[in-house]
């Protein structure tokens, strides 16, 4: 089966899931469903197809995440404008859908018909786990509260505290943003990382030393 047939099969799966995801506020753009919760805060359900050269050829997976505009721009200083189309790779918070249920971080479904069981499994996983997860992250304040309870396990990379500092600054909580940034800076995880934290926070007008 060539890649174009795989793409058509994934189109079919996404089209079959479209009514369900539209009913909870998502819109489809190519391989990505998005739901805007606040200005610059967009939830993502992204379908990824295995490359033709990889062991995942003929398979696909599903990632869910949250794009936080201020974090994306601050943590990628060479990027000056937000993306025109938000995808999974722009998300600061990211989890693979099967991980909620199967306790695995990486799972890929076959792109071979029939697809009915796969579609039902995906909808059930989203209903029971994925959407519940996203519903707790529909505002910046909710993200902060979830992070206070669960830390980076909500889907942040190891720099989660820096991301929260950026969000706090966006909300106008400057002293809390500076406090978190100082803690991240003084971890001294590595010299390049400390310099990066300093660069990010200086750009935001925060004193971290």
N, C-alpha and C. Protein backbone atom coordinates (compact mmCIF):
# COMPACT_ATOMS: atom_id res chain seq x y z
N UNK A 1 0.86 -1.20 0.00
CA UNK A 1 0.00 0.00 0.00
C UNK A 1 0.89 1.24 0.00
N UNK A 2 0.72 2.12 -0.99
CA UNK A 2 1.58 3.30 -1.05
C UNK A 2 1.05 4.37 -0.11
N UNK A 3 1.86 5.43 0.04
CA UNK A 3 1.53 6.45 1.03
C UNK A 3 0.24 7.20 0.67
N UNK A 4 -0.02 7.37 -0.64
CA UNK A 4 -1.22 8.10 -1.02
C UNK A 4 -2.48 7.35 -0.58
N UNK A 5 -2.45 6.03 -0.64
CA UNK A 5 -3.59 5.26 -0.17
C UNK A 5 -3.71 5.36 1.35
N UNK A 6 -2.58 5.35 2.04
CA UNK A 6 -2.59 5.56 3.48
C UNK A 6 -3.23 6.90 3.83
N UNK A 7 -2.87 7.93 3.07
CA UNK A 7 -3.43 9.27 3.32
C UNK A 7 -4.94 9.27 3.10
N UNK A 8 -5.40 8.59 2.06
CA UNK A 8 -6.85 8.51 1.81
C UNK A 8 -7.55 7.77 2.94
N UNK A 9 -6.91 6.73 3.45
CA UNK A 9 -7.52 5.98 4.55
C UNK A 9 -7.60 6.83 5.82
N UNK A 10 -6.55 7.62 6.08
CA UNK A 10 -6.59 8.49 7.25
C UNK A 10 -7.61 9.60 7.06
N UNK A 11 -7.76 10.08 5.83
CA UNK A 11 -8.83 11.05 5.54
C UNK A 11 -10.19 10.48 5.92
N UNK A 12 -10.39 9.21 5.59
CA UNK A 12 -11.68 8.57 5.89
C UNK A 12 -11.91 8.50 7.40
N UNK A 13 -10.88 8.11 8.14
CA UNK A 13 -11.00 8.00 9.60
C UNK A 13 -11.32 9.37 10.21
N UNK A 14 -10.60 10.40 9.77
CA UNK A 14 -10.83 11.74 10.31
C UNK A 14 -12.22 12.25 9.95
N UNK A 15 -12.65 11.98 8.73
CA UNK A 15 -13.99 12.42 8.31
C UNK A 15 -15.07 11.74 9.14
N UNK A 16 -14.84 10.47 9.47
CA UNK A 16 -15.81 9.74 10.28
C UNK A 16 -15.88 10.29 11.70
N UNK A 17 -14.77 10.85 12.18
CA UNK A 17 -14.73 11.39 13.54
C UNK A 17 -15.14 12.85 13.60
N UNK A 18 -15.26 13.49 12.44
CA UNK A 18 -15.54 14.93 12.40
C UNK A 18 -16.84 15.31 13.10
N UNK A 19 -17.95 14.63 12.89
CA UNK A 19 -19.20 15.04 13.59
C UNK A 19 -19.06 15.01 15.11
N UNK A 20 -18.40 13.98 15.63
CA UNK A 20 -18.22 13.89 17.08
C UNK A 20 -17.37 15.04 17.60
N UNK A 21 -16.26 15.33 16.94
CA UNK A 21 -15.36 16.38 17.43
C UNK A 21 -15.94 17.77 17.19
N UNK A 22 -16.69 17.95 16.12
CA UNK A 22 -17.37 19.23 15.92
C UNK A 22 -18.39 19.47 17.02
N UNK A 23 -19.01 18.41 17.52
CA UNK A 23 -20.04 18.56 18.55
C UNK A 23 -19.46 19.07 19.87
N UNK A 24 -18.14 18.94 20.05
CA UNK A 24 -17.49 19.44 21.27
C UNK A 24 -16.59 20.64 20.96
N UNK A 25 -16.81 21.27 19.80
CA UNK A 25 -16.19 22.55 19.53
C UNK A 25 -14.92 22.55 18.71
N UNK A 26 -14.53 21.40 18.15
CA UNK A 26 -13.30 21.36 17.35
C UNK A 26 -13.59 21.58 15.88
N UNK A 27 -12.61 22.17 15.20
CA UNK A 27 -12.66 22.35 13.76
C UNK A 27 -11.48 21.60 13.13
N UNK A 28 -11.67 21.10 11.93
CA UNK A 28 -10.64 20.31 11.25
C UNK A 28 -9.93 21.14 10.20
N UNK A 29 -8.59 21.11 10.24
CA UNK A 29 -7.76 21.72 9.21
C UNK A 29 -6.67 20.72 8.87
N UNK A 30 -6.80 20.08 7.72
CA UNK A 30 -5.88 19.03 7.28
C UNK A 30 -5.83 17.90 8.32
N UNK A 31 -4.70 17.68 8.99
CA UNK A 31 -4.59 16.57 9.93
C UNK A 31 -4.84 16.98 11.38
N UNK A 32 -5.29 18.20 11.60
CA UNK A 32 -5.37 18.73 12.95
C UNK A 32 -6.76 19.27 13.28
N UNK A 33 -7.31 18.81 14.40
CA UNK A 33 -8.52 19.39 14.96
C UNK A 33 -8.11 20.42 16.01
N UNK A 34 -8.71 21.61 15.99
CA UNK A 34 -8.37 22.65 16.96
C UNK A 34 -9.62 23.22 17.60
N UNK A 35 -9.44 23.68 18.86
CA UNK A 35 -10.52 24.33 19.61
C UNK A 35 -9.91 25.51 20.36
N UNK A 36 -10.34 26.72 20.04
CA UNK A 36 -9.83 27.92 20.69
C UNK A 36 -10.58 28.14 22.01
N UNK A 37 -9.82 28.24 23.10
CA UNK A 37 -10.41 28.40 24.43
C UNK A 37 -10.29 29.84 24.94
N UNK A 38 -9.15 30.44 24.73
CA UNK A 38 -8.89 31.85 25.03
C UNK A 38 -8.05 32.39 23.89
N UNK A 39 -7.97 33.71 23.73
CA UNK A 39 -7.07 34.24 22.70
C UNK A 39 -5.65 33.71 22.90
N UNK A 40 -5.13 33.07 21.87
CA UNK A 40 -3.76 32.53 21.95
C UNK A 40 -3.65 31.23 22.71
N UNK A 41 -4.78 30.64 23.10
CA UNK A 41 -4.78 29.36 23.81
C UNK A 41 -5.67 28.39 23.02
N UNK A 42 -5.02 27.45 22.35
CA UNK A 42 -5.72 26.58 21.40
C UNK A 42 -5.43 25.12 21.74
N UNK A 43 -6.49 24.34 21.85
CA UNK A 43 -6.34 22.90 22.09
C UNK A 43 -6.28 22.16 20.76
N UNK A 44 -5.49 21.10 20.73
CA UNK A 44 -5.16 20.43 19.48
C UNK A 44 -5.34 18.92 19.63
N UNK A 45 -5.97 18.32 18.64
CA UNK A 45 -5.97 16.87 18.48
C UNK A 45 -5.39 16.60 17.10
N UNK A 46 -4.21 16.02 17.07
CA UNK A 46 -3.43 15.94 15.84
C UNK A 46 -3.21 14.48 15.43
N UNK A 47 -3.49 14.18 14.18
CA UNK A 47 -3.29 12.85 13.62
C UNK A 47 -1.97 12.83 12.84
N UNK A 48 -1.10 11.89 13.20
CA UNK A 48 0.20 11.80 12.54
C UNK A 48 0.35 10.45 11.85
N UNK A 49 0.78 10.50 10.61
CA UNK A 49 0.94 9.29 9.80
C UNK A 49 2.41 8.90 9.72
N UNK A 50 2.70 7.61 9.82
CA UNK A 50 4.08 7.15 9.76
C UNK A 50 4.73 7.43 8.42
N UNK A 51 5.99 7.85 8.46
CA UNK A 51 6.72 8.13 7.23
C UNK A 51 6.99 6.84 6.45
N UNK A 52 7.13 6.98 5.14
CA UNK A 52 7.30 5.80 4.28
C UNK A 52 8.57 5.02 4.59
N UNK A 53 9.58 5.69 5.17
CA UNK A 53 10.85 5.03 5.46
C UNK A 53 10.91 4.47 6.88
N UNK A 54 9.86 4.68 7.66
CA UNK A 54 9.93 4.30 9.07
C UNK A 54 9.21 2.98 9.34
N UNK A 55 9.44 2.45 10.54
CA UNK A 55 8.76 1.22 10.96
C UNK A 55 7.26 1.45 11.16
N UNK A 56 6.83 2.73 11.18
CA UNK A 56 5.42 3.06 11.37
C UNK A 56 4.71 3.34 10.06
N UNK A 57 5.35 3.02 8.95
CA UNK A 57 4.69 3.17 7.64
C UNK A 57 3.42 2.32 7.62
N UNK A 58 2.32 2.91 7.18
CA UNK A 58 1.06 2.21 7.16
C UNK A 58 0.31 2.29 8.48
N UNK A 59 0.77 3.17 9.38
CA UNK A 59 0.14 3.34 10.68
C UNK A 59 -0.05 4.83 10.96
N UNK A 60 -0.84 5.12 12.01
CA UNK A 60 -1.00 6.51 12.44
C UNK A 60 -1.14 6.55 13.95
N UNK A 61 -0.92 7.73 14.50
CA UNK A 61 -1.10 7.93 15.94
C UNK A 61 -1.82 9.25 16.17
N UNK A 62 -2.20 9.49 17.42
CA UNK A 62 -2.97 10.69 17.76
C UNK A 62 -2.34 11.36 18.97
N UNK A 63 -2.03 12.63 18.83
CA UNK A 63 -1.50 13.44 19.93
C UNK A 63 -2.52 14.50 20.31
N UNK A 64 -2.58 14.80 21.59
CA UNK A 64 -3.43 15.90 22.04
C UNK A 64 -2.54 16.90 22.78
N UNK A 65 -2.86 18.16 22.66
CA UNK A 65 -2.00 19.16 23.29
C UNK A 65 -2.67 20.51 23.40
N UNK A 66 -1.89 21.44 23.93
CA UNK A 66 -2.36 22.82 24.11
C UNK A 66 -1.28 23.77 23.62
N UNK A 67 -1.66 24.60 22.68
CA UNK A 67 -0.79 25.66 22.17
C UNK A 67 -1.00 26.90 23.03
N UNK A 68 0.11 27.44 23.55
CA UNK A 68 0.08 28.64 24.39
C UNK A 68 0.94 29.67 23.69
N UNK A 69 0.31 30.66 23.08
CA UNK A 69 1.02 31.54 22.16
C UNK A 69 2.21 32.23 22.79
N UNK A 70 2.04 32.79 23.99
CA UNK A 70 3.14 33.53 24.60
C UNK A 70 4.32 32.62 24.92
N UNK A 71 4.03 31.37 25.31
CA UNK A 71 5.11 30.43 25.59
C UNK A 71 5.82 30.04 24.30
N UNK A 72 5.05 29.79 23.26
CA UNK A 72 5.65 29.39 21.98
C UNK A 72 6.59 30.47 21.46
N UNK A 73 6.16 31.73 21.50
CA UNK A 73 6.99 32.81 20.97
C UNK A 73 8.19 33.08 21.87
N UNK A 74 7.98 33.04 23.19
CA UNK A 74 9.10 33.33 24.10
C UNK A 74 10.16 32.24 24.07
N UNK A 75 9.74 31.00 23.88
CA UNK A 75 10.68 29.88 23.90
C UNK A 75 11.28 29.58 22.54
N UNK A 76 10.83 30.29 21.53
CA UNK A 76 11.41 30.18 20.19
C UNK A 76 11.72 31.61 19.73
N UNK A 77 12.76 32.22 20.29
CA UNK A 77 12.98 33.66 20.08
C UNK A 77 13.27 34.05 18.63
N UNK A 78 13.63 33.09 17.80
CA UNK A 78 13.88 33.44 16.40
C UNK A 78 12.60 33.47 15.57
N UNK A 79 11.50 33.04 16.17
CA UNK A 79 10.20 33.08 15.51
C UNK A 79 9.47 34.34 15.98
N UNK A 80 9.13 35.20 15.08
CA UNK A 80 8.58 36.51 15.44
C UNK A 80 7.07 36.58 15.38
N UNK A 81 6.43 35.62 14.69
CA UNK A 81 4.98 35.68 14.53
C UNK A 81 4.37 34.33 14.90
N UNK A 82 3.15 34.32 15.41
CA UNK A 82 2.47 33.05 15.68
C UNK A 82 2.25 32.27 14.39
N UNK A 83 2.16 30.96 14.47
CA UNK A 83 1.88 30.17 13.26
C UNK A 83 0.49 30.48 12.71
N UNK A 84 0.37 30.48 11.40
CA UNK A 84 -0.94 30.71 10.79
C UNK A 84 -1.88 29.54 11.05
N UNK A 85 -1.32 28.34 11.10
CA UNK A 85 -2.11 27.15 11.36
C UNK A 85 -1.44 26.38 12.49
N UNK A 86 -2.09 26.32 13.63
CA UNK A 86 -1.51 25.64 14.78
C UNK A 86 -1.63 24.12 14.60
N UNK A 87 -0.53 23.41 14.86
CA UNK A 87 -0.51 21.96 14.80
C UNK A 87 0.07 21.41 16.10
N UNK A 88 0.18 20.11 16.19
CA UNK A 88 0.71 19.49 17.39
C UNK A 88 2.12 19.92 17.72
N UNK A 89 2.93 20.20 16.70
CA UNK A 89 4.32 20.54 16.97
C UNK A 89 4.47 21.94 17.57
N UNK A 90 3.41 22.72 17.59
CA UNK A 90 3.45 24.05 18.21
C UNK A 90 3.01 24.02 19.68
N UNK A 91 2.60 22.87 20.17
CA UNK A 91 2.03 22.78 21.51
C UNK A 91 3.10 22.69 22.58
N UNK A 92 2.94 23.46 23.64
CA UNK A 92 3.84 23.38 24.79
C UNK A 92 3.43 22.23 25.71
N UNK A 93 2.14 21.95 25.78
CA UNK A 93 1.63 20.78 26.50
C UNK A 93 1.27 19.73 25.46
N UNK A 94 1.77 18.51 25.63
CA UNK A 94 1.51 17.48 24.63
C UNK A 94 1.50 16.10 25.27
N UNK A 95 0.49 15.32 24.93
CA UNK A 95 0.40 13.93 25.37
C UNK A 95 -0.06 13.07 24.20
N UNK A 96 0.39 11.84 24.17
CA UNK A 96 -0.10 10.90 23.16
C UNK A 96 -1.36 10.25 23.70
N UNK A 97 -2.43 10.25 22.89
CA UNK A 97 -3.74 9.81 23.36
C UNK A 97 -3.73 8.43 24.02
N UNK A 98 -3.12 7.39 23.42
CA UNK A 98 -3.19 6.07 24.05
C UNK A 98 -2.56 6.01 25.43
N UNK A 99 -1.66 6.93 25.74
CA UNK A 99 -0.96 6.88 27.02
C UNK A 99 -1.91 6.99 28.21
N UNK A 100 -3.04 7.63 28.02
CA UNK A 100 -3.99 7.79 29.12
C UNK A 100 -4.60 6.45 29.53
N UNK A 101 -4.81 5.59 28.55
CA UNK A 101 -5.51 4.33 28.79
C UNK A 101 -4.56 3.14 28.92
N UNK A 102 -3.67 3.01 27.96
CA UNK A 102 -2.82 1.83 27.90
C UNK A 102 -1.53 1.99 28.69
N UNK A 103 -1.31 3.18 29.25
CA UNK A 103 -0.11 3.45 30.03
C UNK A 103 1.16 3.25 29.19
N UNK A 104 1.07 3.61 27.92
CA UNK A 104 2.22 3.59 27.04
C UNK A 104 2.32 4.96 26.39
N UNK A 105 3.53 5.40 26.12
CA UNK A 105 3.70 6.73 25.54
C UNK A 105 3.64 6.71 24.01
N UNK A 106 3.70 5.53 23.41
CA UNK A 106 3.75 5.48 21.96
C UNK A 106 2.91 4.31 21.45
N UNK A 107 1.88 4.62 20.69
CA UNK A 107 1.04 3.57 20.11
C UNK A 107 0.55 4.05 18.75
N UNK A 108 0.56 3.13 17.78
CA UNK A 108 0.15 3.45 16.42
C UNK A 108 -0.90 2.45 15.94
N UNK A 109 -1.95 2.98 15.31
CA UNK A 109 -3.00 2.12 14.76
C UNK A 109 -2.71 1.83 13.28
N UNK A 110 -3.16 0.67 12.82
CA UNK A 110 -2.99 0.30 11.41
C UNK A 110 -3.93 1.11 10.53
N UNK A 111 -3.44 1.41 9.33
CA UNK A 111 -4.25 2.12 8.34
C UNK A 111 -4.82 1.14 7.32
N UNK A 112 -5.26 0.00 7.79
CA UNK A 112 -5.85 -1.00 6.92
C UNK A 112 -7.33 -1.15 7.26
N UNK A 113 -8.20 -1.17 6.24
CA UNK A 113 -9.62 -1.38 6.51
C UNK A 113 -9.86 -2.80 7.00
N UNK A 114 -11.00 -3.03 7.70
CA UNK A 114 -12.06 -2.06 8.01
C UNK A 114 -11.66 -1.14 9.17
N UNK A 115 -12.26 0.03 9.22
CA UNK A 115 -11.85 1.06 10.17
C UNK A 115 -12.84 1.27 11.32
N UNK A 116 -13.97 0.60 11.28
CA UNK A 116 -15.03 0.90 12.25
C UNK A 116 -14.55 0.71 13.70
N UNK A 117 -13.85 -0.38 13.96
CA UNK A 117 -13.38 -0.63 15.34
C UNK A 117 -12.38 0.42 15.78
N UNK A 118 -11.49 0.81 14.85
CA UNK A 118 -10.50 1.84 15.17
C UNK A 118 -11.18 3.17 15.49
N UNK A 119 -12.16 3.55 14.68
CA UNK A 119 -12.88 4.81 14.90
C UNK A 119 -13.58 4.79 16.25
N UNK A 120 -14.24 3.69 16.57
CA UNK A 120 -14.92 3.60 17.85
C UNK A 120 -13.94 3.64 19.02
N UNK A 121 -12.79 2.99 18.86
CA UNK A 121 -11.79 3.02 19.92
C UNK A 121 -11.28 4.43 20.15
N UNK A 122 -11.02 5.16 19.07
CA UNK A 122 -10.54 6.53 19.19
C UNK A 122 -11.57 7.42 19.89
N UNK A 123 -12.82 7.30 19.50
CA UNK A 123 -13.87 8.11 20.12
C UNK A 123 -14.00 7.78 21.60
N UNK A 124 -13.93 6.50 21.93
CA UNK A 124 -14.03 6.10 23.34
C UNK A 124 -12.86 6.63 24.16
N UNK A 125 -11.64 6.57 23.59
CA UNK A 125 -10.47 7.10 24.29
C UNK A 125 -10.60 8.60 24.51
N UNK A 126 -11.10 9.30 23.50
CA UNK A 126 -11.28 10.75 23.64
C UNK A 126 -12.37 11.07 24.66
N UNK A 127 -13.47 10.35 24.61
CA UNK A 127 -14.56 10.62 25.55
C UNK A 127 -14.14 10.36 27.00
N UNK A 128 -13.43 9.27 27.21
CA UNK A 128 -13.12 8.85 28.57
C UNK A 128 -11.88 9.52 29.15
N UNK A 129 -10.92 9.86 28.26
CA UNK A 129 -9.64 10.37 28.76
C UNK A 129 -9.24 11.71 28.12
N UNK A 130 -9.15 11.72 26.80
CA UNK A 130 -8.57 12.88 26.12
C UNK A 130 -9.33 14.18 26.34
N UNK A 131 -10.65 14.14 26.15
CA UNK A 131 -11.43 15.37 26.32
C UNK A 131 -11.53 15.78 27.78
N UNK A 132 -11.58 14.81 28.67
CA UNK A 132 -11.57 15.12 30.10
C UNK A 132 -10.28 15.84 30.47
N UNK A 133 -9.18 15.37 29.93
CA UNK A 133 -7.88 16.02 30.14
C UNK A 133 -7.90 17.44 29.62
N UNK A 134 -8.35 17.62 28.38
CA UNK A 134 -8.36 18.95 27.78
C UNK A 134 -9.34 19.89 28.47
N UNK A 135 -10.46 19.34 28.97
CA UNK A 135 -11.45 20.18 29.63
C UNK A 135 -10.90 20.80 30.92
N UNK A 136 -9.86 20.22 31.48
CA UNK A 136 -9.22 20.80 32.66
C UNK A 136 -8.15 21.82 32.32
N UNK A 137 -7.97 22.09 31.02
CA UNK A 137 -6.91 23.01 30.56
C UNK A 137 -7.49 24.04 29.60
N UNK A 138 -8.66 24.56 29.91
CA UNK A 138 -9.34 25.46 28.98
C UNK A 138 -9.06 26.93 29.26
N UNK A 139 -8.23 27.21 30.22
CA UNK A 139 -7.82 28.60 30.48
C UNK A 139 -6.40 28.59 31.03
N UNK A 140 -5.75 29.73 30.99
CA UNK A 140 -4.40 29.83 31.53
C UNK A 140 -4.40 29.56 33.03
N UNK A 141 -5.42 30.05 33.73
CA UNK A 141 -5.48 29.81 35.17
C UNK A 141 -5.66 28.33 35.48
N UNK A 142 -6.43 27.64 34.67
CA UNK A 142 -6.60 26.19 34.88
C UNK A 142 -5.29 25.45 34.62
N UNK A 143 -4.54 25.87 33.62
CA UNK A 143 -3.23 25.25 33.35
C UNK A 143 -2.31 25.42 34.55
N UNK A 144 -2.30 26.62 35.11
CA UNK A 144 -1.45 26.89 36.28
C UNK A 144 -1.85 25.98 37.45
N UNK A 145 -3.15 25.88 37.70
CA UNK A 145 -3.61 25.05 38.82
C UNK A 145 -3.31 23.58 38.60
N UNK A 146 -3.46 23.10 37.37
CA UNK A 146 -3.13 21.71 37.07
C UNK A 146 -1.64 21.45 37.26
N UNK A 147 -0.82 22.41 36.86
CA UNK A 147 0.63 22.26 37.01
C UNK A 147 1.02 22.25 38.49
N UNK A 148 0.37 23.09 39.29
CA UNK A 148 0.68 23.11 40.72
C UNK A 148 0.41 21.75 41.36
N UNK A 149 -0.60 21.05 40.86
CA UNK A 149 -0.98 19.75 41.42
C UNK A 149 -0.15 18.61 40.85
N UNK A 150 0.06 18.63 39.53
CA UNK A 150 0.65 17.48 38.85
C UNK A 150 2.02 17.75 38.24
N UNK A 151 2.45 19.00 38.26
CA UNK A 151 3.75 19.32 37.69
C UNK A 151 3.78 19.07 36.19
N UNK A 152 4.95 18.73 35.69
CA UNK A 152 5.13 18.55 34.25
C UNK A 152 4.40 17.34 33.71
N UNK A 153 3.86 16.49 34.59
CA UNK A 153 3.15 15.30 34.14
C UNK A 153 1.90 15.63 33.35
N UNK A 154 1.43 16.87 33.41
CA UNK A 154 0.26 17.21 32.59
C UNK A 154 0.62 17.28 31.11
N UNK A 155 1.90 17.18 30.80
CA UNK A 155 2.30 17.19 29.40
C UNK A 155 3.34 18.22 29.04
N UNK A 156 3.83 18.96 30.04
CA UNK A 156 4.91 19.91 29.79
C UNK A 156 6.23 19.17 29.59
N UNK A 157 7.15 19.74 28.83
CA UNK A 157 8.52 19.24 28.81
C UNK A 157 9.21 19.59 30.12
N UNK A 158 10.47 19.18 30.33
CA UNK A 158 11.14 19.47 31.59
C UNK A 158 11.21 20.95 31.97
N UNK A 159 11.05 21.84 30.99
CA UNK A 159 11.11 23.29 31.26
C UNK A 159 9.75 23.84 31.71
N UNK A 160 8.86 22.99 32.20
CA UNK A 160 7.50 23.41 32.53
C UNK A 160 7.41 24.62 33.43
N UNK A 161 8.31 24.71 34.41
CA UNK A 161 8.27 25.86 35.32
C UNK A 161 8.51 27.17 34.56
N UNK A 162 9.39 27.13 33.57
CA UNK A 162 9.64 28.32 32.77
C UNK A 162 8.39 28.68 31.96
N UNK A 163 7.72 27.67 31.43
CA UNK A 163 6.49 27.92 30.68
C UNK A 163 5.43 28.56 31.58
N UNK A 164 5.31 28.07 32.82
CA UNK A 164 4.35 28.65 33.76
C UNK A 164 4.73 30.09 34.10
N UNK A 165 6.02 30.36 34.23
CA UNK A 165 6.46 31.73 34.48
C UNK A 165 6.02 32.66 33.35
N UNK A 166 6.14 32.18 32.13
CA UNK A 166 5.73 32.99 30.97
C UNK A 166 4.23 33.24 31.01
N UNK A 167 3.45 32.22 31.35
CA UNK A 167 2.00 32.38 31.45
C UNK A 167 1.64 33.36 32.56
N UNK A 168 2.32 33.24 33.69
CA UNK A 168 2.05 34.17 34.80
C UNK A 168 2.34 35.60 34.38
N UNK A 169 3.41 35.79 33.64
CA UNK A 169 3.72 37.15 33.16
C UNK A 169 2.62 37.65 32.22
N UNK A 170 2.12 36.77 31.37
CA UNK A 170 1.04 37.13 30.46
C UNK A 170 -0.20 37.58 31.23
N UNK A 171 -0.45 36.93 32.37
CA UNK A 171 -1.61 37.26 33.19
C UNK A 171 -1.38 38.49 34.07
N UNK A 172 -0.17 39.04 34.03
CA UNK A 172 0.14 40.22 34.82
C UNK A 172 0.66 39.92 36.21
N UNK A 173 0.92 38.64 36.50
CA UNK A 173 1.45 38.26 37.81
C UNK A 173 2.98 38.29 37.76
N UNK A 174 3.53 39.49 37.70
CA UNK A 174 4.94 39.67 37.41
C UNK A 174 5.83 39.12 38.52
N UNK A 175 5.48 39.35 39.77
CA UNK A 175 6.33 38.88 40.86
C UNK A 175 6.38 37.35 40.90
N UNK A 176 5.25 36.71 40.66
CA UNK A 176 5.23 35.24 40.63
C UNK A 176 6.00 34.72 39.43
N UNK A 177 5.88 35.37 38.30
CA UNK A 177 6.63 34.98 37.11
C UNK A 177 8.13 35.08 37.37
N UNK A 178 8.57 36.16 38.00
CA UNK A 178 9.99 36.34 38.30
C UNK A 178 10.48 35.30 39.31
N UNK A 179 9.65 34.99 40.29
CA UNK A 179 10.04 33.98 41.29
C UNK A 179 10.27 32.63 40.63
N UNK A 180 9.35 32.21 39.78
CA UNK A 180 9.49 30.92 39.11
C UNK A 180 10.70 30.92 38.18
N UNK A 181 10.90 32.04 37.49
CA UNK A 181 12.04 32.13 36.58
C UNK A 181 13.36 32.04 37.34
N UNK A 182 13.42 32.70 38.50
CA UNK A 182 14.65 32.63 39.30
C UNK A 182 14.92 31.19 39.74
N UNK A 183 13.88 30.48 40.15
CA UNK A 183 14.07 29.09 40.55
C UNK A 183 14.58 28.25 39.39
N UNK A 184 14.03 28.49 38.22
CA UNK A 184 14.47 27.73 37.04
C UNK A 184 15.90 28.10 36.66
N UNK A 185 16.22 29.36 36.75
CA UNK A 185 17.57 29.81 36.41
C UNK A 185 18.60 29.23 37.36
N UNK A 186 18.28 29.19 38.65
CA UNK A 186 19.26 28.76 39.64
C UNK A 186 19.34 27.24 39.78
N UNK A 187 18.55 26.51 39.02
CA UNK A 187 18.70 25.05 39.01
C UNK A 187 20.09 24.65 38.52
N UNK A 188 20.65 25.51 37.65
CA UNK A 188 21.97 25.24 37.06
C UNK A 188 22.02 23.85 36.43
N UNK A 189 20.94 23.52 35.74
CA UNK A 189 20.87 22.23 35.06
C UNK A 189 22.00 22.10 34.05
N UNK A 190 22.25 23.17 33.36
CA UNK A 190 23.39 23.27 32.44
C UNK A 190 23.61 24.74 32.15
N UNK A 191 24.82 25.10 31.82
CA UNK A 191 25.12 26.50 31.54
C UNK A 191 24.33 27.03 30.35
N UNK A 192 24.26 26.27 29.25
CA UNK A 192 23.46 26.77 28.11
C UNK A 192 22.00 26.97 28.47
N UNK A 193 21.43 26.07 29.29
CA UNK A 193 20.03 26.22 29.65
C UNK A 193 19.83 27.44 30.56
N UNK A 194 20.72 27.63 31.51
CA UNK A 194 20.62 28.80 32.38
C UNK A 194 20.70 30.09 31.57
N UNK A 195 21.57 30.10 30.58
CA UNK A 195 21.69 31.27 29.71
C UNK A 195 20.42 31.48 28.90
N UNK A 196 19.80 30.37 28.49
CA UNK A 196 18.55 30.46 27.74
C UNK A 196 17.44 31.03 28.61
N UNK A 197 17.34 30.55 29.86
CA UNK A 197 16.34 31.09 30.79
C UNK A 197 16.55 32.58 30.97
N UNK A 198 17.80 32.99 31.15
CA UNK A 198 18.11 34.41 31.33
C UNK A 198 17.71 35.21 30.10
N UNK A 199 17.99 34.68 28.93
CA UNK A 199 17.65 35.36 27.68
C UNK A 199 16.14 35.53 27.55
N UNK A 200 15.40 34.47 27.84
CA UNK A 200 13.94 34.52 27.71
C UNK A 200 13.34 35.55 28.67
N UNK A 201 13.78 35.51 29.92
CA UNK A 201 13.19 36.39 30.91
C UNK A 201 13.62 37.84 30.74
N UNK A 202 14.85 38.07 30.31
CA UNK A 202 15.28 39.43 30.01
C UNK A 202 14.43 40.02 28.89
N UNK A 203 14.12 39.19 27.90
CA UNK A 203 13.29 39.65 26.79
C UNK A 203 11.90 40.04 27.28
N UNK A 204 11.46 39.42 28.38
CA UNK A 204 10.15 39.73 28.94
C UNK A 204 10.21 40.82 29.99
N UNK A 205 11.40 41.36 30.24
CA UNK A 205 11.54 42.44 31.20
C UNK A 205 11.49 41.98 32.65
N UNK A 206 11.84 40.71 32.91
CA UNK A 206 11.82 40.17 34.25
C UNK A 206 13.24 40.02 34.79
N UNK A 207 13.44 40.39 36.05
CA UNK A 207 14.72 40.23 36.70
C UNK A 207 14.80 38.82 37.31
N UNK A 208 15.82 38.06 36.94
CA UNK A 208 15.93 36.71 37.44
C UNK A 208 17.16 36.50 38.30
N UNK A 209 18.02 37.49 38.41
CA UNK A 209 19.25 37.31 39.18
C UNK A 209 19.12 37.98 40.53
